[in-house]
PDB file of N, CA and C in Angstrom:
ATOM      1  N   MET A   1      12.545   5.342  -5.502  1.00  0.00           N
ATOM      2  CA  MET A   1      11.140   5.104  -5.574  1.00  0.00           C
ATOM      3  C   MET A   1      10.787   4.623  -6.979  1.00  0.00           C
ATOM      4  N   ASN A   2      10.063   3.537  -7.067  1.00  0.00           N
ATOM      5  CA  ASN A   2       9.696   2.985  -8.369  1.00  0.00           C
ATOM      6  C   ASN A   2       8.209   3.194  -8.605  1.00  0.00           C
ATOM      7  N   TYR A   3       7.885   4.033  -9.593  1.00  0.00           N
ATOM      8  CA  TYR A   3       6.492   4.319  -9.898  1.00  0.00           C
ATOM      9  C   TYR A   3       6.013   3.551 -11.121  1.00  0.00           C
ATOM     10  N   ASN A   4       6.763   2.559 -11.574  1.00  0.00           N
ATOM     11  CA  ASN A   4       6.411   1.831 -12.779  1.00  0.00           C
ATOM     12  C   ASN A   4       5.704   0.517 -12.493  1.00  0.00           C
ATOM     13  N   LYS A   5       5.266   0.316 -11.267  1.00  0.00           N
ATOM     14  CA  LYS A   5       4.553  -0.902 -10.913  1.00  0.00           C
ATOM     15  C   LYS A   5       3.195  -0.887 -11.609  1.00  0.00           C
ATOM     16  N   MET A   6       2.881  -1.970 -12.271  1.00  0.00           N
ATOM     17  CA  MET A   6       1.613  -2.064 -12.995  1.00  0.00           C
ATOM     18  C   MET A   6       0.530  -2.566 -12.051  1.00  0.00           C
ATOM     19  N   VAL A   7      -0.635  -1.933 -12.137  1.00  0.00           N
ATOM     20  CA  VAL A   7      -1.798  -2.388 -11.384  1.00  0.00           C
ATOM     21  C   VAL A   7      -2.916  -2.648 -12.371  1.00  0.00           C
ATOM     22  N   GLN A   8      -3.821  -3.501 -11.985  1.00  0.00           N
ATOM     23  CA  GLN A   8      -4.932  -3.834 -12.867  1.00  0.00           C
ATOM     24  C   GLN A   8      -6.208  -3.286 -12.254  1.00  0.00           C
ATOM     25  N   SER A   9      -7.014  -2.598 -13.070  1.00  0.00           N
ATOM     26  CA  SER A   9      -8.253  -2.004 -12.591  1.00  0.00           C
ATOM     27  C   SER A   9      -9.398  -2.342 -13.538  1.00  0.00           C
ATOM     28  N   ILE A  10     -10.549  -2.514 -12.954  1.00  0.00           N
ATOM     29  CA  ILE A  10     -11.762  -2.678 -13.750  1.00  0.00           C
ATOM     30  C   ILE A  10     -12.516  -1.366 -13.616  1.00  0.00           C
ATOM     31  N   ILE A  11     -12.830  -0.754 -14.770  1.00  0.00           N
ATOM     32  CA  ILE A  11     -13.521   0.535 -14.740  1.00  0.00           C
ATOM     33  C   ILE A  11     -14.797   0.459 -15.566  1.00  0.00           C
ATOM     34  N   ASP A  12     -15.751   1.267 -15.187  1.00  0.00           N
ATOM     35  CA  ASP A  12     -16.997   1.376 -15.941  1.00  0.00           C
ATOM     36  C   ASP A  12     -16.977   2.701 -16.683  1.00  0.00           C
ATOM     37  N   ILE A  13     -17.134   2.645 -18.006  1.00  0.00           N
ATOM     38  CA  ILE A  13     -17.172   3.858 -18.816  1.00  0.00           C
ATOM     39  C   ILE A  13     -18.348   3.756 -19.772  1.00  0.00           C
ATOM     40  N   ASP A  14     -18.827   4.922 -20.199  1.00  0.00           N
ATOM     41  CA  ASP A  14     -19.949   4.894 -21.141  1.00  0.00           C
ATOM     42  C   ASP A  14     -19.422   4.750 -22.577  1.00  0.00           C
ATOM     43  N   GLU A  15     -20.332   4.667 -23.527  1.00  0.00           N
ATOM     44  CA  GLU A  15     -19.949   4.446 -24.931  1.00  0.00           C
ATOM     45  C   GLU A  15     -19.092   5.586 -25.471  1.00  0.00           C
ATOM     46  N   ASN A  16     -19.416   6.819 -25.113  1.00  0.00           N
ATOM     47  CA  ASN A  16     -18.648   7.963 -25.591  1.00  0.00           C
ATOM     48  C   ASN A  16     -17.203   7.923 -25.076  1.00  0.00           C
ATOM     49  N   GLU A  17     -17.034   7.604 -23.814  1.00  0.00           N
ATOM     50  CA  GLU A  17     -15.688   7.506 -23.235  1.00  0.00           C
ATOM     51  C   GLU A  17     -14.911   6.365 -23.887  1.00  0.00           C
ATOM     52  N   ASP A  18     -15.599   5.259 -24.173  1.00  0.00           N
ATOM     53  CA  ASP A  18     -14.965   4.136 -24.862  1.00  0.00           C
ATOM     54  C   ASP A  18     -14.515   4.559 -26.260  1.00  0.00           C
ATOM     55  N   ARG A  19     -15.352   5.327 -26.942  1.00  0.00           N
ATOM     56  CA  ARG A  19     -15.015   5.839 -28.271  1.00  0.00           C
ATOM     57  C   ARG A  19     -13.763   6.724 -28.199  1.00  0.00           C
ATOM     58  N   ILE A  20     -13.701   7.574 -27.175  1.00  0.00           N
ATOM     59  CA  ILE A  20     -12.537   8.451 -26.998  1.00  0.00           C
ATOM     60  C   ILE A  20     -11.269   7.627 -26.789  1.00  0.00           C
ATOM     61  N   LEU A  21     -11.361   6.587 -25.983  1.00  0.00           N
ATOM     62  CA  LEU A  21     -10.195   5.719 -25.774  1.00  0.00           C
ATOM     63  C   LEU A  21      -9.754   5.077 -27.085  1.00  0.00           C
ATOM     64  N   ASN A  22     -10.720   4.659 -27.905  1.00  0.00           N
ATOM     65  CA  ASN A  22     -10.386   4.075 -29.207  1.00  0.00           C
ATOM     66  C   ASN A  22      -9.744   5.101 -30.143  1.00  0.00           C
ATOM     67  N   ILE A  23     -10.216   6.350 -30.086  1.00  0.00           N
ATOM     68  CA  ILE A  23      -9.628   7.402 -30.912  1.00  0.00           C
ATOM     69  C   ILE A  23      -8.180   7.660 -30.495  1.00  0.00           C
ATOM     70  N   VAL A  24      -7.957   7.768 -29.187  1.00  0.00           N
ATOM     71  CA  VAL A  24      -6.596   7.988 -28.674  1.00  0.00           C
ATOM     72  C   VAL A  24      -5.706   6.809 -29.072  1.00  0.00           C
ATOM     73  N   LYS A  25      -6.241   5.602 -28.932  1.00  0.00           N
ATOM     74  CA  LYS A  25      -5.497   4.394 -29.298  1.00  0.00           C
ATOM     75  C   LYS A  25      -5.081   4.446 -30.760  1.00  0.00           C
ATOM     76  N   ALA A  26      -6.009   4.785 -31.643  1.00  0.00           N
ATOM     77  CA  ALA A  26      -5.716   4.833 -33.084  1.00  0.00           C
ATOM     78  C   ALA A  26      -4.769   5.984 -33.423  1.00  0.00           C
ATOM     79  N   LYS A  27      -5.030   7.145 -32.861  1.00  0.00           N
ATOM     80  CA  LYS A  27      -4.227   8.331 -33.188  1.00  0.00           C
ATOM     81  C   LYS A  27      -2.762   8.150 -32.825  1.00  0.00           C
ATOM     82  N   PHE A  28      -2.490   7.511 -31.691  1.00  0.00           N
ATOM     83  CA  PHE A  28      -1.114   7.360 -31.222  1.00  0.00           C
ATOM     84  C   PHE A  28      -0.538   5.975 -31.507  1.00  0.00           C
ATOM     85  N   GLY A  29      -1.279   5.141 -32.224  1.00  0.00           N
ATOM     86  CA  GLY A  29      -0.782   3.815 -32.583  1.00  0.00           C
ATOM     87  C   GLY A  29      -0.535   2.912 -31.389  1.00  0.00           C
ATOM     88  N   LEU A  30      -1.419   2.976 -30.423  1.00  0.00           N
ATOM     89  CA  LEU A  30      -1.261   2.180 -29.205  1.00  0.00           C
ATOM     90  C   LEU A  30      -1.827   0.775 -29.412  1.00  0.00           C
ATOM     91  N   LYS A  31      -1.369  -0.147 -28.582  1.00  0.00           N
ATOM     92  CA  LYS A  31      -1.779  -1.544 -28.733  1.00  0.00           C
ATOM     93  C   LYS A  31      -3.142  -1.834 -28.116  1.00  0.00           C
ATOM     94  N   ASN A  32      -3.478  -1.121 -27.045  1.00  0.00           N
ATOM     95  CA  ASN A  32      -4.738  -1.410 -26.357  1.00  0.00           C
ATOM     96  C   ASN A  32      -5.254  -0.175 -25.621  1.00  0.00           C
ATOM     97  N   LYS A  33      -6.445  -0.302 -25.057  1.00  0.00           N
ATOM     98  CA  LYS A  33      -7.063   0.821 -24.356  1.00  0.00           C
ATOM     99  C   LYS A  33      -6.335   1.146 -23.053  1.00  0.00           C
ATOM    100  N   SER A  34      -5.680   0.167 -22.476  1.00  0.00           N
ATOM    101  CA  SER A  34      -4.906   0.427 -21.260  1.00  0.00           C
ATOM    102  C   SER A  34      -3.820   1.455 -21.541  1.00  0.00           C
ATOM    103  N   GLN A  35      -3.179   1.331 -22.701  1.00  0.00           N
ATOM    104  CA  GLN A  35      -2.168   2.314 -23.078  1.00  0.00           C
ATOM    105  C   GLN A  35      -2.803   3.679 -23.320  1.00  0.00           C
ATOM    106  N   SER A  36      -4.038   3.695 -23.831  1.00  0.00           N
ATOM    107  CA  SER A  36      -4.757   4.960 -24.015  1.00  0.00           C
ATOM    108  C   SER A  36      -5.006   5.632 -22.677  1.00  0.00           C
ATOM    109  N   VAL A  37      -5.467   4.871 -21.708  1.00  0.00           N
ATOM    110  CA  VAL A  37      -5.731   5.411 -20.378  1.00  0.00           C
ATOM    111  C   VAL A  37      -4.424   5.938 -19.772  1.00  0.00           C
ATOM    112  N   ALA A  38      -3.341   5.174 -19.902  1.00  0.00           N
ATOM    113  CA  ALA A  38      -2.045   5.593 -19.360  1.00  0.00           C
ATOM    114  C   ALA A  38      -1.576   6.888 -20.008  1.00  0.00           C
ATOM    115  N   LEU A  39      -1.734   7.012 -21.321  1.00  0.00           N
ATOM    116  CA  LEU A  39      -1.324   8.222 -22.028  1.00  0.00           C
ATOM    117  C   LEU A  39      -2.153   9.422 -21.575  1.00  0.00           C
ATOM    118  N   ILE A  40      -3.455   9.243 -21.454  1.00  0.00           N
ATOM    119  CA  ILE A  40      -4.324  10.326 -21.009  1.00  0.00           C
ATOM    120  C   ILE A  40      -3.936  10.760 -19.589  1.00  0.00           C
ATOM    121  N   ALA A  41      -3.647   9.802 -18.716  1.00  0.00           N
ATOM    122  CA  ALA A  41      -3.235  10.121 -17.344  1.00  0.00           C
ATOM    123  C   ALA A  41      -1.908  10.873 -17.343  1.00  0.00           C
ATOM    124  N   LYS A  42      -0.985  10.460 -18.200  1.00  0.00           N
ATOM    125  CA  LYS A  42       0.318  11.134 -18.286  1.00  0.00           C
ATOM    126  C   LYS A  42       0.151  12.572 -18.760  1.00  0.00           C
ATOM    127  N   ILE A  43      -0.644  12.766 -19.799  1.00  0.00           N
ATOM    128  CA  ILE A  43      -0.887  14.119 -20.318  1.00  0.00           C
ATOM    129  C   ILE A  43      -1.547  14.981 -19.249  1.00  0.00           C
ATOM    130  N   TYR A  44      -2.501  14.419 -18.542  1.00  0.00           N
ATOM    131  CA  TYR A  44      -3.171  15.160 -17.473  1.00  0.00           C
ATOM    132  C   TYR A  44      -2.178  15.566 -16.393  1.00  0.00           C
ATOM    133  N   SER A  45      -1.338  14.619 -15.960  1.00  0.00           N
ATOM    134  CA  SER A  45      -0.394  14.921 -14.882  1.00  0.00           C
ATOM    135  C   SER A  45       0.603  15.987 -15.292  1.00  0.00           C
ATOM    136  N   GLU A  46       1.053  15.949 -16.542  1.00  0.00           N
ATOM    137  CA  GLU A  46       2.009  16.942 -17.016  1.00  0.00           C
ATOM    138  C   GLU A  46       1.369  18.316 -17.185  1.00  0.00           C
ATOM    139  N   SER A  47       0.084  18.349 -17.498  1.00  0.00           N
ATOM    140  CA  SER A  47      -0.584  19.609 -17.801  1.00  0.00           C
ATOM    141  C   SER A  47      -1.257  20.258 -16.599  1.00  0.00           C
ATOM    142  N   PHE A  48      -1.785  19.456 -15.685  1.00  0.00           N
ATOM    143  CA  PHE A  48      -2.649  20.025 -14.664  1.00  0.00           C
ATOM    144  C   PHE A  48      -2.199  19.835 -13.229  1.00  0.00           C
ATOM    145  N   LEU A  49      -1.375  18.836 -12.948  1.00  0.00           N
ATOM    146  CA  LEU A  49      -0.956  18.625 -11.566  1.00  0.00           C
ATOM    147  C   LEU A  49       0.128  19.615 -11.177  1.00  0.00           C
ATOM    148  N   GLU A  50       0.104  20.012  -9.944  1.00  0.00           N
ATOM    149  CA  GLU A  50       1.150  20.884  -9.418  1.00  0.00           C
ATOM    150  C   GLU A  50       2.466  20.105  -9.417  1.00  0.00           C
ATOM    151  N   PRO A  51       3.587  20.791  -9.648  1.00  0.00           N
ATOM    152  CA  PRO A  51       4.887  20.093  -9.709  1.00  0.00           C
ATOM    153  C   PRO A  51       5.180  19.247  -8.482  1.00  0.00           C
ATOM    154  N   GLU A  52       4.790  19.710  -7.301  1.00  0.00           N
ATOM    155  CA  GLU A  52       5.098  18.951  -6.092  1.00  0.00           C
ATOM    156  C   GLU A  52       4.305  17.657  -5.988  1.00  0.00           C
ATOM    157  N   LEU A  53       3.297  17.471  -6.832  1.00  0.00           N
ATOM    158  CA  LEU A  53       2.522  16.237  -6.824  1.00  0.00           C
ATOM    159  C   LEU A  53       3.031  15.221  -7.839  1.00  0.00           C
ATOM    160  N   ARG A  54       3.910  15.651  -8.729  1.00  0.00           N
ATOM    161  CA  ARG A  54       4.414  14.752  -9.754  1.00  0.00           C
ATOM    162  C   ARG A  54       5.480  13.832  -9.182  1.00  0.00           C
ATOM    163  N   PRO A  55       5.426  12.542  -9.517  1.00  0.00           N
ATOM    164  CA  PRO A  55       6.419  11.584  -9.000  1.00  0.00           C
ATOM    165  C   PRO A  55       7.854  11.990  -9.311  1.00  0.00           C
ATOM    166  N   GLU A  56       8.101  12.532 -10.516  1.00  0.00           N
ATOM    167  CA  GLU A  56       9.471  12.910 -10.850  1.00  0.00           C
ATOM    168  C   GLU A  56       9.963  14.073  -9.994  1.00  0.00           C
ATOM    169  N   TYR A  57       9.050  14.926  -9.524  1.00  0.00           N
ATOM    170  CA  TYR A  57       9.429  16.020  -8.637  1.00  0.00           C
ATOM    171  C   TYR A  57       9.845  15.463  -7.273  1.00  0.00           C
ATOM    172  N   LEU A  58       9.074  14.518  -6.757  1.00  0.00           N
ATOM    173  CA  LEU A  58       9.421  13.890  -5.483  1.00  0.00           C
ATOM    174  C   LEU A  58      10.748  13.164  -5.581  1.00  0.00           C
ATOM    175  N   GLU A  59      10.989  12.501  -6.707  1.00  0.00           N
ATOM    176  CA  GLU A  59      12.254  11.805  -6.936  1.00  0.00           C
ATOM    177  C   GLU A  59      13.413  12.809  -6.932  1.00  0.00           C
ATOM    178  N   LYS A  60      13.214  13.950  -7.573  1.00  0.00           N
ATOM    179  CA  LYS A  60      14.233  14.998  -7.621  1.00  0.00           C
ATOM    180  C   LYS A  60      14.518  15.527  -6.218  1.00  0.00           C
ATOM    181  N   LEU A  61      13.463  15.733  -5.424  1.00  0.00           N
ATOM    182  CA  LEU A  61      13.651  16.204  -4.057  1.00  0.00           C
ATOM    183  C   LEU A  61      14.452  15.206  -3.222  1.00  0.00           C
ATOM    184  N   MET A  62      14.153  13.931  -3.392  1.00  0.00           N
ATOM    185  CA  MET A  62      14.877  12.904  -2.645  1.00  0.00           C
ATOM    186  C   MET A  62      16.349  12.889  -3.044  1.00  0.00           C
ATOM    187  N   LYS A  63      16.629  13.088  -4.325  1.00  0.00           N
ATOM    188  CA  LYS A  63      18.014  13.124  -4.801  1.00  0.00           C
ATOM    189  C   LYS A  63      18.754  14.309  -4.179  1.00  0.00           C
ATOM    190  N   ILE A  64      18.111  15.462  -4.166  1.00  0.00           N
ATOM    191  CA  ILE A  64      18.716  16.651  -3.555  1.00  0.00           C
ATOM    192  C   ILE A  64      18.960  16.418  -2.072  1.00  0.00           C
ATOM    193  N   ASP A  65      18.009  15.772  -1.419  1.00  0.00           N
ATOM    194  CA  ASP A  65      18.123  15.511   0.014  1.00  0.00           C
ATOM    195  C   ASP A  65      19.309  14.606   0.332  1.00  0.00           C
ATOM    196  N   ARG A  66      19.668  13.716  -0.589  1.00  0.00           N
ATOM    197  CA  ARG A  66      20.786  12.790  -0.373  1.00  0.00           C
ATOM    198  C   ARG A  66      22.148  13.440  -0.646  1.00  0.00           C
ATOM    199  N   GLU A  67      22.145  14.592  -1.326  1.00  0.00           N
ATOM    200  CA  GLU A  67      23.405  15.260  -1.644  1.00  0.00           C
ATOM    201  C   GLU A  67      24.056  15.791  -0.371  1.00  0.00           C
ATOM    202  N   LYS A  68      25.392  15.716  -0.375  1.00  0.00           N
ATOM    203  CA  LYS A  68      26.133  16.214   0.764  1.00  0.00           C
ATOM    204  C   LYS A  68      26.278  17.725   0.616  1.00  0.00           C
ATOM    205  N   GLY A  69      25.966  18.460   1.654  1.00  0.00           N
ATOM    206  CA  GLY A  69      26.036  19.920   1.624  1.00  0.00           C
ATOM    207  C   GLY A  69      27.254  20.438   2.362  1.00  0.00           C
ATOM    208  N   ILE A  70      27.340  21.737   2.431  1.00  0.00           N
ATOM    209  CA  ILE A  70      28.417  22.404   3.153  1.00  0.00           C
ATOM    210  C   ILE A  70      27.875  22.776   4.537  1.00  0.00           C
ATOM    211  N   PRO A  71      28.479  22.235   5.594  1.00  0.00           N
ATOM    212  CA  PRO A  71      27.966  22.555   6.929  1.00  0.00           C
ATOM    213  C   PRO A  71      28.376  23.978   7.348  1.00  0.00           C
ATOM    214  N   PHE A  72      27.435  24.689   7.945  1.00  0.00           N
ATOM    215  CA  PHE A  72      27.708  26.010   8.504  1.00  0.00           C
ATOM    216  C   PHE A  72      26.743  26.259   9.652  1.00  0.00           C
ATOM    217  N   ARG A  73      27.149  27.110  10.579  1.00  0.00           N
ATOM    218  CA  ARG A  73      26.347  27.370  11.771  1.00  0.00           C
ATOM    219  C   ARG A  73      25.439  28.594  11.638  1.00  0.00           C
ATOM    220  N   ASN A  74      25.879  29.565  10.827  1.00  0.00           N
ATOM    221  CA  ASN A  74      25.092  30.784  10.674  1.00  0.00           C
ATOM    222  C   ASN A  74      25.426  31.440   9.336  1.00  0.00           C
ATOM    223  N   MET A  75      24.764  32.522   9.018  1.00  0.00           N
ATOM    224  CA  MET A  75      24.950  33.187   7.729  1.00  0.00           C
ATOM    225  C   MET A  75      26.345  33.796   7.599  1.00  0.00           C
ATOM    226  N   ILE A  76      26.891  34.274   8.690  1.00  0.00           N
ATOM    227  CA  ILE A  76      28.238  34.860   8.647  1.00  0.00           C
ATOM    228  C   ILE A  76      29.255  33.788   8.256  1.00  0.00           C
ATOM    229  N   GLU A  77      29.140  32.611   8.845  1.00  0.00           N
ATOM    230  CA  GLU A  77      30.045  31.509   8.516  1.00  0.00           C
ATOM    231  C   GLU A  77      29.859  31.071   7.062  1.00  0.00           C
ATOM    232  N   LEU A  78      28.617  31.003   6.600  1.00  0.00           N
ATOM    233  CA  LEU A  78      28.364  30.634   5.215  1.00  0.00           C
ATOM    234  C   LEU A  78      28.971  31.661   4.260  1.00  0.00           C
ATOM    235  N   ARG A  79      28.823  32.935   4.573  1.00  0.00           N
ATOM    236  CA  ARG A  79      29.403  33.998   3.722  1.00  0.00           C
ATOM    237  C   ARG A  79      30.915  33.834   3.631  1.00  0.00           C
ATOM    238  N   LYS A  80      31.570  33.508   4.752  1.00  0.00           N
ATOM    239  CA  LYS A  80      33.023  33.311   4.759  1.00  0.00           C
ATOM    240  C   LYS A  80      33.407  32.125   3.859  1.00  0.00           C
ATOM    241  N   ILE A  81      32.601  31.072   3.904  1.00  0.00           N
ATOM    242  CA  ILE A  81      32.871  29.888   3.063  1.00  0.00           C
ATOM    243  C   ILE A  81      32.722  30.240   1.598  1.00  0.00           C
ATOM    244  N   ILE A  82      31.665  30.971   1.253  1.00  0.00           N
ATOM    245  CA  ILE A  82      31.386  31.316  -0.137  1.00  0.00           C
ATOM    246  C   ILE A  82      32.422  32.274  -0.682  1.00  0.00           C
ATOM    247  N   GLU A  83      32.747  33.288   0.089  1.00  0.00           N
ATOM    248  CA  GLU A  83      33.662  34.315  -0.384  1.00  0.00           C
ATOM    249  C   GLU A  83      35.123  33.921  -0.259  1.00  0.00           C
ATOM    250  N   GLY A  84      35.384  32.824   0.411  1.00  0.00           N
ATOM    251  CA  GLY A  84      36.758  32.314   0.518  1.00  0.00           C
ATOM    252  C   GLY A  84      37.501  33.066   1.523  1.00  0.00           C
TER     253      GLY A  84
END
């Protein structure tokens, strides 16, 4: 899954929000306000979103799902496999 596809959006923000974007841009040495918005979104996702909603979590789940497991029919059979 590729989550790095760039999309273009037109947004309406007030003067205070624009000022905040400029502050973030200056503080982190970003080239433009788009990078400010991206950084703010990244910080938000890392801080407030549940792990199962994060793209990297879904990617990890898909990787685990592709791994080959040990087939067993029941817990007794699995215990025999584990204990040798």
